[in-house]
PDB file of N, CA and C in Angstrom:
ATOM      1  N   MET A   1      99.747  90.228  85.950  1.00  0.00           N
ATOM      2  CA  MET A   1      98.969  91.420  85.654  1.00  0.00           C
ATOM      3  C   MET A   1      99.517  92.587  86.464  1.00  0.00           C
ATOM      4  N   THR A   2      99.845  93.644  85.776  1.00  0.00           N
ATOM      5  CA  THR A   2     100.257  94.879  86.428  1.00  0.00           C
ATOM      6  C   THR A   2      99.000  95.614  86.853  1.00  0.00           C
ATOM      7  N   ILE A   3      99.018  96.160  88.068  1.00  0.00           N
ATOM      8  CA  ILE A   3      97.821  96.889  88.479  1.00  0.00           C
ATOM      9  C   ILE A   3      97.888  98.313  87.938  1.00  0.00           C
ATOM     10  N   ARG A   4      96.754  98.785  87.473  1.00  0.00           N
ATOM     11  CA  ARG A   4      96.646 100.149  86.957  1.00  0.00           C
ATOM     12  C   ARG A   4      95.688 100.905  87.868  1.00  0.00           C
ATOM     13  N   LEU A   5      96.248 101.853  88.583  1.00  0.00           N
ATOM     14  CA  LEU A   5      95.436 102.659  89.483  1.00  0.00           C
ATOM     15  C   LEU A   5      95.015 103.930  88.763  1.00  0.00           C
ATOM     16  N   VAL A   6      93.798 104.384  89.014  1.00  0.00           N
ATOM     17  CA  VAL A   6      93.260 105.576  88.350  1.00  0.00           C
ATOM     18  C   VAL A   6      93.470 106.843  89.182  1.00  0.00           C
ATOM     19  N   PHE A   7      94.201 106.718  90.260  1.00  0.00           N
ATOM     20  CA  PHE A   7      94.476 107.851  91.130  1.00  0.00           C
ATOM     21  C   PHE A   7      95.992 107.950  91.323  1.00  0.00           C
ATOM     22  N   PRO A   8      96.491 109.124  91.693  1.00  0.00           N
ATOM     23  CA  PRO A   8      97.929 109.260  91.930  1.00  0.00           C
ATOM     24  C   PRO A   8      98.367 108.390  93.107  1.00  0.00           C
ATOM     25  N   ALA A   9      99.454 107.635  92.899  1.00  0.00           N
ATOM     26  CA  ALA A   9      99.955 106.758  93.951  1.00  0.00           C
ATOM     27  C   ALA A   9     101.460 106.545  93.759  1.00  0.00           C
ATOM     28  N   ASN A  10     102.199 106.581  94.855  1.00  0.00           N
ATOM     29  CA  ASN A  10     103.620 106.285  94.773  1.00  0.00           C
ATOM     30  C   ASN A  10     103.824 104.760  94.822  1.00  0.00           C
ATOM     31  N   GLU A  11     105.061 104.324  94.747  1.00  0.00           N
ATOM     32  CA  GLU A  11     105.343 102.878  94.723  1.00  0.00           C
ATOM     33  C   GLU A  11     104.876 102.193  96.006  1.00  0.00           C
ATOM     34  N   LYS A  12     105.054 102.849  97.141  1.00  0.00           N
ATOM     35  CA  LYS A  12     104.606 102.270  98.411  1.00  0.00           C
ATOM     36  C   LYS A  12     103.102 102.032  98.383  1.00  0.00           C
ATOM     37  N   ALA A  13     102.342 102.996  97.896  1.00  0.00           N
ATOM     38  CA  ALA A  13     100.883 102.871  97.824  1.00  0.00           C
ATOM     39  C   ALA A  13     100.479 101.791  96.825  1.00  0.00           C
ATOM     40  N   LYS A  14     101.173 101.728  95.696  1.00  0.00           N
ATOM     41  CA  LYS A  14     100.878 100.687  94.710  1.00  0.00           C
ATOM     42  C   LYS A  14     101.087  99.294  95.296  1.00  0.00           C
ATOM     43  N   ASP A  15     102.199  99.114  96.009  1.00  0.00           N
ATOM     44  CA  ASP A  15     102.468  97.826  96.653  1.00  0.00           C
ATOM     45  C   ASP A  15     101.400  97.509  97.698  1.00  0.00           C
ATOM     46  N   TYR A  16     100.996  98.525  98.455  1.00  0.00           N
ATOM     47  CA  TYR A  16      99.976  98.334  99.491  1.00  0.00           C
ATOM     48  C   TYR A  16      98.637  97.962  98.858  1.00  0.00           C
ATOM     49  N   CYS A  17      98.293  98.628  97.764  1.00  0.00           N
ATOM     50  CA  CYS A  17      97.041  98.316  97.053  1.00  0.00           C
ATOM     51  C   CYS A  17      97.080  96.901  96.482  1.00  0.00           C
ATOM     52  N   LEU A  18      98.223  96.478  96.002  1.00  0.00           N
ATOM     53  CA  LEU A  18      98.371  95.107  95.508  1.00  0.00           C
ATOM     54  C   LEU A  18      98.155  94.111  96.642  1.00  0.00           C
ATOM     55  N   TRP A  19      98.680  94.420  97.808  1.00  0.00           N
ATOM     56  CA  TRP A  19      98.493  93.577  98.990  1.00  0.00           C
ATOM     57  C   TRP A  19      97.007  93.510  99.362  1.00  0.00           C
ATOM     58  N   ILE A  20      96.334  94.650  99.340  1.00  0.00           N
ATOM     59  CA  ILE A  20      94.893  94.690  99.615  1.00  0.00           C
ATOM     60  C   ILE A  20      94.137  93.844  98.599  1.00  0.00           C
ATOM     61  N   ALA A  21      94.513  93.958  97.334  1.00  0.00           N
ATOM     62  CA  ALA A  21      93.861  93.174  96.277  1.00  0.00           C
ATOM     63  C   ALA A  21      94.046  91.670  96.526  1.00  0.00           C
ATOM     64  N   GLU A  22      95.229  91.283  96.960  1.00  0.00           N
ATOM     65  CA  GLU A  22      95.490  89.868  97.256  1.00  0.00           C
ATOM     66  C   GLU A  22      94.611  89.370  98.398  1.00  0.00           C
ATOM     67  N   VAL A  23      94.418  90.199  99.414  1.00  0.00           N
ATOM     68  CA  VAL A  23      93.539  89.823 100.526  1.00  0.00           C
ATOM     69  C   VAL A  23      92.102  89.692 100.025  1.00  0.00           C
ATOM     70  N   MET A  24      91.660  90.616  99.185  1.00  0.00           N
ATOM     71  CA  MET A  24      90.296  90.553  98.645  1.00  0.00           C
ATOM     72  C   MET A  24      90.104  89.285  97.821  1.00  0.00           C
ATOM     73  N   GLN A  25      91.103  88.921  97.033  1.00  0.00           N
ATOM     74  CA  GLN A  25      91.016  87.696  96.242  1.00  0.00           C
ATOM     75  C   GLN A  25      90.867  86.489  97.165  1.00  0.00           C
ATOM     76  N   SER A  26      91.673  86.446  98.183  1.00  0.00           N
ATOM     77  CA  SER A  26      91.667  85.319  99.116  1.00  0.00           C
ATOM     78  C   SER A  26      90.381  85.251  99.939  1.00  0.00           C
ATOM     79  N   GLU A  27      89.951  86.381 100.460  1.00  0.00           N
ATOM     80  CA  GLU A  27      88.788  86.419 101.353  1.00  0.00           C
ATOM     81  C   GLU A  27      87.456  86.284 100.631  1.00  0.00           C
ATOM     82  N   PHE A  28      87.363  86.857  99.425  1.00  0.00           N
ATOM     83  CA  PHE A  28      86.067  86.926  98.752  1.00  0.00           C
ATOM     84  C   PHE A  28      85.997  86.138  97.449  1.00  0.00           C
ATOM     85  N   GLY A  29      87.101  85.503  97.063  1.00  0.00           N
ATOM     86  CA  GLY A  29      87.096  84.673  95.870  1.00  0.00           C
ATOM     87  C   GLY A  29      86.881  85.443  94.580  1.00  0.00           C
ATOM     88  N   ILE A  30      87.363  86.683  94.534  1.00  0.00           N
ATOM     89  CA  ILE A  30      87.205  87.493  93.328  1.00  0.00           C
ATOM     90  C   ILE A  30      88.525  87.506  92.556  1.00  0.00           C
ATOM     91  N   SER A  31      88.455  87.931  91.315  1.00  0.00           N
ATOM     92  CA  SER A  31      89.659  88.001  90.484  1.00  0.00           C
ATOM     93  C   SER A  31      90.506  89.211  90.893  1.00  0.00           C
ATOM     94  N   LYS A  32      91.761  89.179  90.464  1.00  0.00           N
ATOM     95  CA  LYS A  32      92.645  90.314  90.718  1.00  0.00           C
ATOM     96  C   LYS A  32      92.101  91.566  90.027  1.00  0.00           C
ATOM     97  N   LYS A  33      91.581  91.406  88.813  1.00  0.00           N
ATOM     98  CA  LYS A  33      91.014  92.542  88.087  1.00  0.00           C
ATOM     99  C   LYS A  33      89.871  93.173  88.867  1.00  0.00           C
ATOM    100  N   GLU A  34      88.959  92.342  89.381  1.00  0.00           N
ATOM    101  CA  GLU A  34      87.842  92.887  90.156  1.00  0.00           C
ATOM    102  C   GLU A  34      88.344  93.581  91.410  1.00  0.00           C
ATOM    103  N   ALA A  35      89.307  92.986  92.081  1.00  0.00           N
ATOM    104  CA  ALA A  35      89.846  93.595  93.297  1.00  0.00           C
ATOM    105  C   ALA A  35      90.445  94.964  92.991  1.00  0.00           C
ATOM    106  N   VAL A  36      91.227  95.070  91.921  1.00  0.00           N
ATOM    107  CA  VAL A  36      91.836  96.350  91.543  1.00  0.00           C
ATOM    108  C   VAL A  36      90.761  97.344  91.110  1.00  0.00           C
ATOM    109  N   ASP A  37      89.771  96.884  90.375  1.00  0.00           N
ATOM    110  CA  ASP A  37      88.660  97.770  89.994  1.00  0.00           C
ATOM    111  C   ASP A  37      87.960  98.326  91.230  1.00  0.00           C
ATOM    112  N   ARG A  38      87.762  97.492  92.226  1.00  0.00           N
ATOM    113  CA  ARG A  38      87.102  97.946  93.457  1.00  0.00           C
ATOM    114  C   ARG A  38      87.966  98.964  94.200  1.00  0.00           C
ATOM    115  N   ILE A  39      89.268  98.739  94.230  1.00  0.00           N
ATOM    116  CA  ILE A  39      90.187  99.692  94.857  1.00  0.00           C
ATOM    117  C   ILE A  39      90.126 101.023  94.104  1.00  0.00           C
ATOM    118  N   ASN A  40      90.152 100.958  92.781  1.00  0.00           N
ATOM    119  CA  ASN A  40      90.061 102.182  91.975  1.00  0.00           C
ATOM    120  C   ASN A  40      88.764 102.928  92.235  1.00  0.00           C
ATOM    121  N   SER A  41      87.679 102.214  92.315  1.00  0.00           N
ATOM    122  CA  SER A  41      86.388 102.848  92.568  1.00  0.00           C
ATOM    123  C   SER A  41      86.366 103.509  93.949  1.00  0.00           C
ATOM    124  N   PHE A  42      86.915 102.837  94.939  1.00  0.00           N
ATOM    125  CA  PHE A  42      86.883 103.316  96.317  1.00  0.00           C
ATOM    126  C   PHE A  42      87.767 104.552  96.516  1.00  0.00           C
ATOM    127  N   TRP A  43      88.954 104.554  95.918  1.00  0.00           N
ATOM    128  CA  TRP A  43      89.930 105.630  96.150  1.00  0.00           C
ATOM    129  C   TRP A  43      90.131 106.532  94.942  1.00  0.00           C
ATOM    130  N   ARG A  44      89.222 106.533  94.001  1.00  0.00           N
ATOM    131  CA  ARG A  44      89.425 107.270  92.750  1.00  0.00           C
ATOM    132  C   ARG A  44      89.617 108.773  92.940  1.00  0.00           C
ATOM    133  N   ARG A  45      89.156 109.343  94.001  1.00  0.00           N
ATOM    134  CA  ARG A  45      89.277 110.800  94.217  1.00  0.00           C
ATOM    135  C   ARG A  45      90.386 111.147  95.223  1.00  0.00           C
ATOM    136  N   ASN A  46      91.263 110.191  95.475  1.00  0.00           N
ATOM    137  CA  ASN A  46      92.321 110.389  96.466  1.00  0.00           C
ATOM    138  C   ASN A  46      93.686 110.488  95.806  1.00  0.00           C
ATOM    139  N   ASP A  47      94.603 111.064  96.549  1.00  0.00           N
ATOM    140  CA  ASP A  47      96.003 111.144  96.142  1.00  0.00           C
ATOM    141  C   ASP A  47      96.793 110.338  97.177  1.00  0.00           C
ATOM    142  N   LEU A  48      97.367 109.244  96.730  1.00  0.00           N
ATOM    143  CA  LEU A  48      98.108 108.374  97.644  1.00  0.00           C
ATOM    144  C   LEU A  48      99.604 108.448  97.367  1.00  0.00           C
ATOM    145  N   THR A  49     100.121 109.658  97.255  1.00  0.00           N
ATOM    146  CA  THR A  49     101.547 109.839  96.992  1.00  0.00           C
ATOM    147  C   THR A  49     102.340 110.180  98.252  1.00  0.00           C
ATOM    148  N   ASP A  50     101.680 110.350  99.364  1.00  0.00           N
ATOM    149  CA  ASP A  50     102.330 110.699 100.628  1.00  0.00           C
ATOM    150  C   ASP A  50     102.623 109.432 101.431  1.00  0.00           C
ATOM    151  N   ASP A  51     103.879 109.216 101.788  1.00  0.00           N
ATOM    152  CA  ASP A  51     104.257 108.026 102.562  1.00  0.00           C
ATOM    153  C   ASP A  51     103.623 107.999 103.952  1.00  0.00           C
ATOM    154  N   ASP A  52     103.129 109.116 104.423  1.00  0.00           N
ATOM    155  CA  ASP A  52     102.496 109.189 105.744  1.00  0.00           C
ATOM    156  C   ASP A  52     100.978 109.164 105.648  1.00  0.00           C
ATOM    157  N   ASN A  53     100.450 108.707 104.535  1.00  0.00           N
ATOM    158  CA  ASN A  53      99.005 108.672 104.327  1.00  0.00           C
ATOM    159  C   ASN A  53      98.324 107.899 105.453  1.00  0.00           C
ATOM    160  N   ILE A  54      97.170 108.372 105.848  1.00  0.00           N
ATOM    161  CA  ILE A  54      96.433 107.745 106.946  1.00  0.00           C
ATOM    162  C   ILE A  54      95.999 106.312 106.635  1.00  0.00           C
ATOM    163  N   MET A  55      95.965 105.936 105.368  1.00  0.00           N
ATOM    164  CA  MET A  55      95.554 104.569 105.036  1.00  0.00           C
ATOM    165  C   MET A  55      96.488 103.539 105.664  1.00  0.00           C
ATOM    166  N   TYR A  56      97.741 103.914 105.907  1.00  0.00           N
ATOM    167  CA  TYR A  56      98.701 102.979 106.493  1.00  0.00           C
ATOM    168  C   TYR A  56      98.459 102.733 107.983  1.00  0.00           C
ATOM    169  N   HIS A  57      97.513 103.448 108.569  1.00  0.00           N
ATOM    170  CA  HIS A  57      97.183 103.235 109.979  1.00  0.00           C
ATOM    171  C   HIS A  57      96.307 102.000 110.173  1.00  0.00           C
ATOM    172  N   GLU A  58      95.808 101.467 109.077  1.00  0.00           N
ATOM    173  CA  GLU A  58      95.024 100.223 109.106  1.00  0.00           C
ATOM    174  C   GLU A  58      95.722  99.195 108.227  1.00  0.00           C
ATOM    175  N   GLY A  59      95.531  97.941 108.545  1.00  0.00           N
ATOM    176  CA  GLY A  59      96.159  96.883 107.768  1.00  0.00           C
ATOM    177  C   GLY A  59      95.399  96.579 106.491  1.00  0.00           C
ATOM    178  N   PRO A  60      96.010  95.804 105.603  1.00  0.00           N
ATOM    179  CA  PRO A  60      95.359  95.462 104.340  1.00  0.00           C
ATOM    180  C   PRO A  60      94.076  94.657 104.525  1.00  0.00           C
ATOM    181  N   ASP A  61      93.979  93.867 105.586  1.00  0.00           N
ATOM    182  CA  ASP A  61      92.737  93.129 105.848  1.00  0.00           C
ATOM    183  C   ASP A  61      91.584  94.096 106.090  1.00  0.00           C
ATOM    184  N   PHE A  62      91.833  95.125 106.898  1.00  0.00           N
ATOM    185  CA  PHE A  62      90.806  96.130 107.156  1.00  0.00           C
ATOM    186  C   PHE A  62      90.335  96.752 105.847  1.00  0.00           C
ATOM    187  N   TRP A  63      91.293  97.192 105.001  1.00  0.00           N
ATOM    188  CA  TRP A  63      90.926  97.868 103.764  1.00  0.00           C
ATOM    189  C   TRP A  63      90.238  96.930 102.786  1.00  0.00           C
ATOM    190  N   ALA A  64      90.651  95.672 102.766  1.00  0.00           N
ATOM    191  CA  ALA A  64      89.998  94.705 101.873  1.00  0.00           C
ATOM    192  C   ALA A  64      88.508  94.619 102.199  1.00  0.00           C
ATOM    193  N   TYR A  65      88.193  94.500 103.472  1.00  0.00           N
ATOM    194  CA  TYR A  65      86.789  94.417 103.879  1.00  0.00           C
ATOM    195  C   TYR A  65      86.076  95.754 103.696  1.00  0.00           C
ATOM    196  N   GLN A  66      86.737  96.846 104.030  1.00  0.00           N
ATOM    197  CA  GLN A  66      86.128  98.176 103.908  1.00  0.00           C
ATOM    198  C   GLN A  66      85.781  98.481 102.449  1.00  0.00           C
ATOM    199  N   ILE A  67      86.668  98.116 101.554  1.00  0.00           N
ATOM    200  CA  ILE A  67      86.459  98.382 100.132  1.00  0.00           C
ATOM    201  C   ILE A  67      85.414  97.446  99.542  1.00  0.00           C
ATOM    202  N   TYR A  68      85.425  96.192  99.942  1.00  0.00           N
ATOM    203  CA  TYR A  68      84.533  95.195  99.351  1.00  0.00           C
ATOM    204  C   TYR A  68      83.107  95.258  99.898  1.00  0.00           C
ATOM    205  N   CYS A  69      82.970  95.516 101.185  1.00  0.00           N
ATOM    206  CA  CYS A  69      81.675  95.375 101.857  1.00  0.00           C
ATOM    207  C   CYS A  69      80.848  96.646 101.856  1.00  0.00           C
ATOM    208  N   LYS A  70      79.588  96.480 101.568  1.00  0.00           N
ATOM    209  CA  LYS A  70      78.625  97.578 101.631  1.00  0.00           C
ATOM    210  C   LYS A  70      78.203  97.847 103.078  1.00  0.00           C
ATOM    211  N   ASP A  71      78.251  96.809 103.892  1.00  0.00           N
ATOM    212  CA  ASP A  71      77.781  96.888 105.273  1.00  0.00           C
ATOM    213  C   ASP A  71      78.661  97.815 106.107  1.00  0.00           C
ATOM    214  N   THR A  72      78.037  98.729 106.817  1.00  0.00           N
ATOM    215  CA  THR A  72      78.751  99.700 107.625  1.00  0.00           C
ATOM    216  C   THR A  72      79.514  99.041 108.766  1.00  0.00           C
ATOM    217  N   PHE A  73      78.911  98.065 109.400  1.00  0.00           N
ATOM    218  CA  PHE A  73      79.541  97.395 110.533  1.00  0.00           C
ATOM    219  C   PHE A  73      79.984  95.987 110.168  1.00  0.00           C
ATOM    220  N   TRP A  74      80.728  95.854 109.058  1.00  0.00           N
ATOM    221  CA  TRP A  74      81.140  94.552 108.552  1.00  0.00           C
ATOM    222  C   TRP A  74      81.941  93.760 109.572  1.00  0.00           C
ATOM    223  N   TRP A  75      82.704  94.423 110.431  1.00  0.00           N
ATOM    224  CA  TRP A  75      83.538  93.725 111.405  1.00  0.00           C
ATOM    225  C   TRP A  75      82.706  93.038 112.489  1.00  0.00           C
ATOM    226  N   ASN A  76      81.436  93.368 112.569  1.00  0.00           N
ATOM    227  CA  ASN A  76      80.551  92.820 113.591  1.00  0.00           C
ATOM    228  C   ASN A  76      79.574  91.802 112.991  1.00  0.00           C
ATOM    229  N   MET A  77      79.887  91.295 111.793  1.00  0.00           N
ATOM    230  CA  MET A  77      78.989  90.378 111.096  1.00  0.00           C
ATOM    231  C   MET A  77      79.742  89.112 110.700  1.00  0.00           C
ATOM    232  N   LYS A  78      78.988  88.063 110.445  1.00  0.00           N
ATOM    233  CA  LYS A  78      79.576  86.845 109.919  1.00  0.00           C
ATOM    234  C   LYS A  78      79.873  87.062 108.436  1.00  0.00           C
ATOM    235  N   LYS A  79      80.930  86.445 107.963  1.00  0.00           N
ATOM    236  CA  LYS A  79      81.363  86.631 106.577  1.00  0.00           C
ATOM    237  C   LYS A  79      80.250  86.322 105.580  1.00  0.00           C
ATOM    238  N   GLU A  80      79.468  85.277 105.839  1.00  0.00           N
ATOM    239  CA  GLU A  80      78.402  84.899 104.902  1.00  0.00           C
ATOM    240  C   GLU A  80      77.226  85.878 104.912  1.00  0.00           C
ATOM    241  N   GLU A  81      77.182  86.787 105.865  1.00  0.00           N
ATOM    242  CA  GLU A  81      76.109  87.783 105.937  1.00  0.00           C
ATOM    243  C   GLU A  81      76.473  89.092 105.232  1.00  0.00           C
ATOM    244  N   LEU A  82      77.712  89.230 104.811  1.00  0.00           N
ATOM    245  CA  LEU A  82      78.180  90.484 104.228  1.00  0.00           C
ATOM    246  C   LEU A  82      77.607  90.722 102.836  1.00  0.00           C
ATOM    247  N   THR A  83      77.340  91.970 102.540  1.00  0.00           N
ATOM    248  CA  THR A  83      76.846  92.376 101.235  1.00  0.00           C
ATOM    249  C   THR A  83      77.947  93.123 100.497  1.00  0.00           C
ATOM    250  N   PRO A  84      78.350  92.676  99.317  1.00  0.00           N
ATOM    251  CA  PRO A  84      79.375  93.420  98.587  1.00  0.00           C
ATOM    252  C   PRO A  84      78.846  94.738  98.033  1.00  0.00           C
ATOM    253  N   ARG A  85      79.736  95.701  97.940  1.00  0.00           N
ATOM    254  CA  ARG A  85      79.389  96.958  97.268  1.00  0.00           C
ATOM    255  C   ARG A  85      79.126  96.662  95.803  1.00  0.00           C
ATOM    256  N   LYS A  86      78.428  97.555  95.153  1.00  0.00           N
ATOM    257  CA  LYS A  86      78.188  97.417  93.706  1.00  0.00           C
ATOM    258  C   LYS A  86      79.546  97.422  93.009  1.00  0.00           C
ATOM    259  N   TYR A  87      79.709  96.499  92.092  1.00  0.00           N
ATOM    260  CA  TYR A  87      80.970  96.394  91.339  1.00  0.00           C
ATOM    261  C   TYR A  87      80.886  97.260  90.100  1.00  0.00           C
ATOM    262  N   GLU A  88      81.798  98.229  90.003  1.00  0.00           N
ATOM    263  CA  GLU A  88      81.831  99.092  88.836  1.00  0.00           C
ATOM    264  C   GLU A  88      83.246  99.186  88.306  1.00  0.00           C
ATOM    265  N   VAL A  89      83.363  99.184  87.010  1.00  0.00           N
ATOM    266  CA  VAL A  89      84.649  99.301  86.350  1.00  0.00           C
ATOM    267  C   VAL A  89      84.804 100.741  85.891  1.00  0.00           C
ATOM    268  N   LEU A  90      85.930 101.338  86.245  1.00  0.00           N
ATOM    269  CA  LEU A  90      86.184 102.726  85.842  1.00  0.00           C
ATOM    270  C   LEU A  90      86.970 102.767  84.558  1.00  0.00           C
TER     271      LEU A  90
END
């Protein structure tokens, strides 16, 4: 499956988003489609065409949890206590 992002992104950002999607699949047991949909929902108003984008200051694990979890302090909770954000398809 090729990922289709709804926001501007260069190849580096696309590869990074794919990596984030893979972490989300592994950590939360969701499909690749759901992971990509969640990424699209989270970053839909962003432009990820700059190689120096601040998103690269955090690893894909951080973004996987940040995008998936509704909980503000997800890093301070047990995995089974986490609440997923509402899943929406754009």
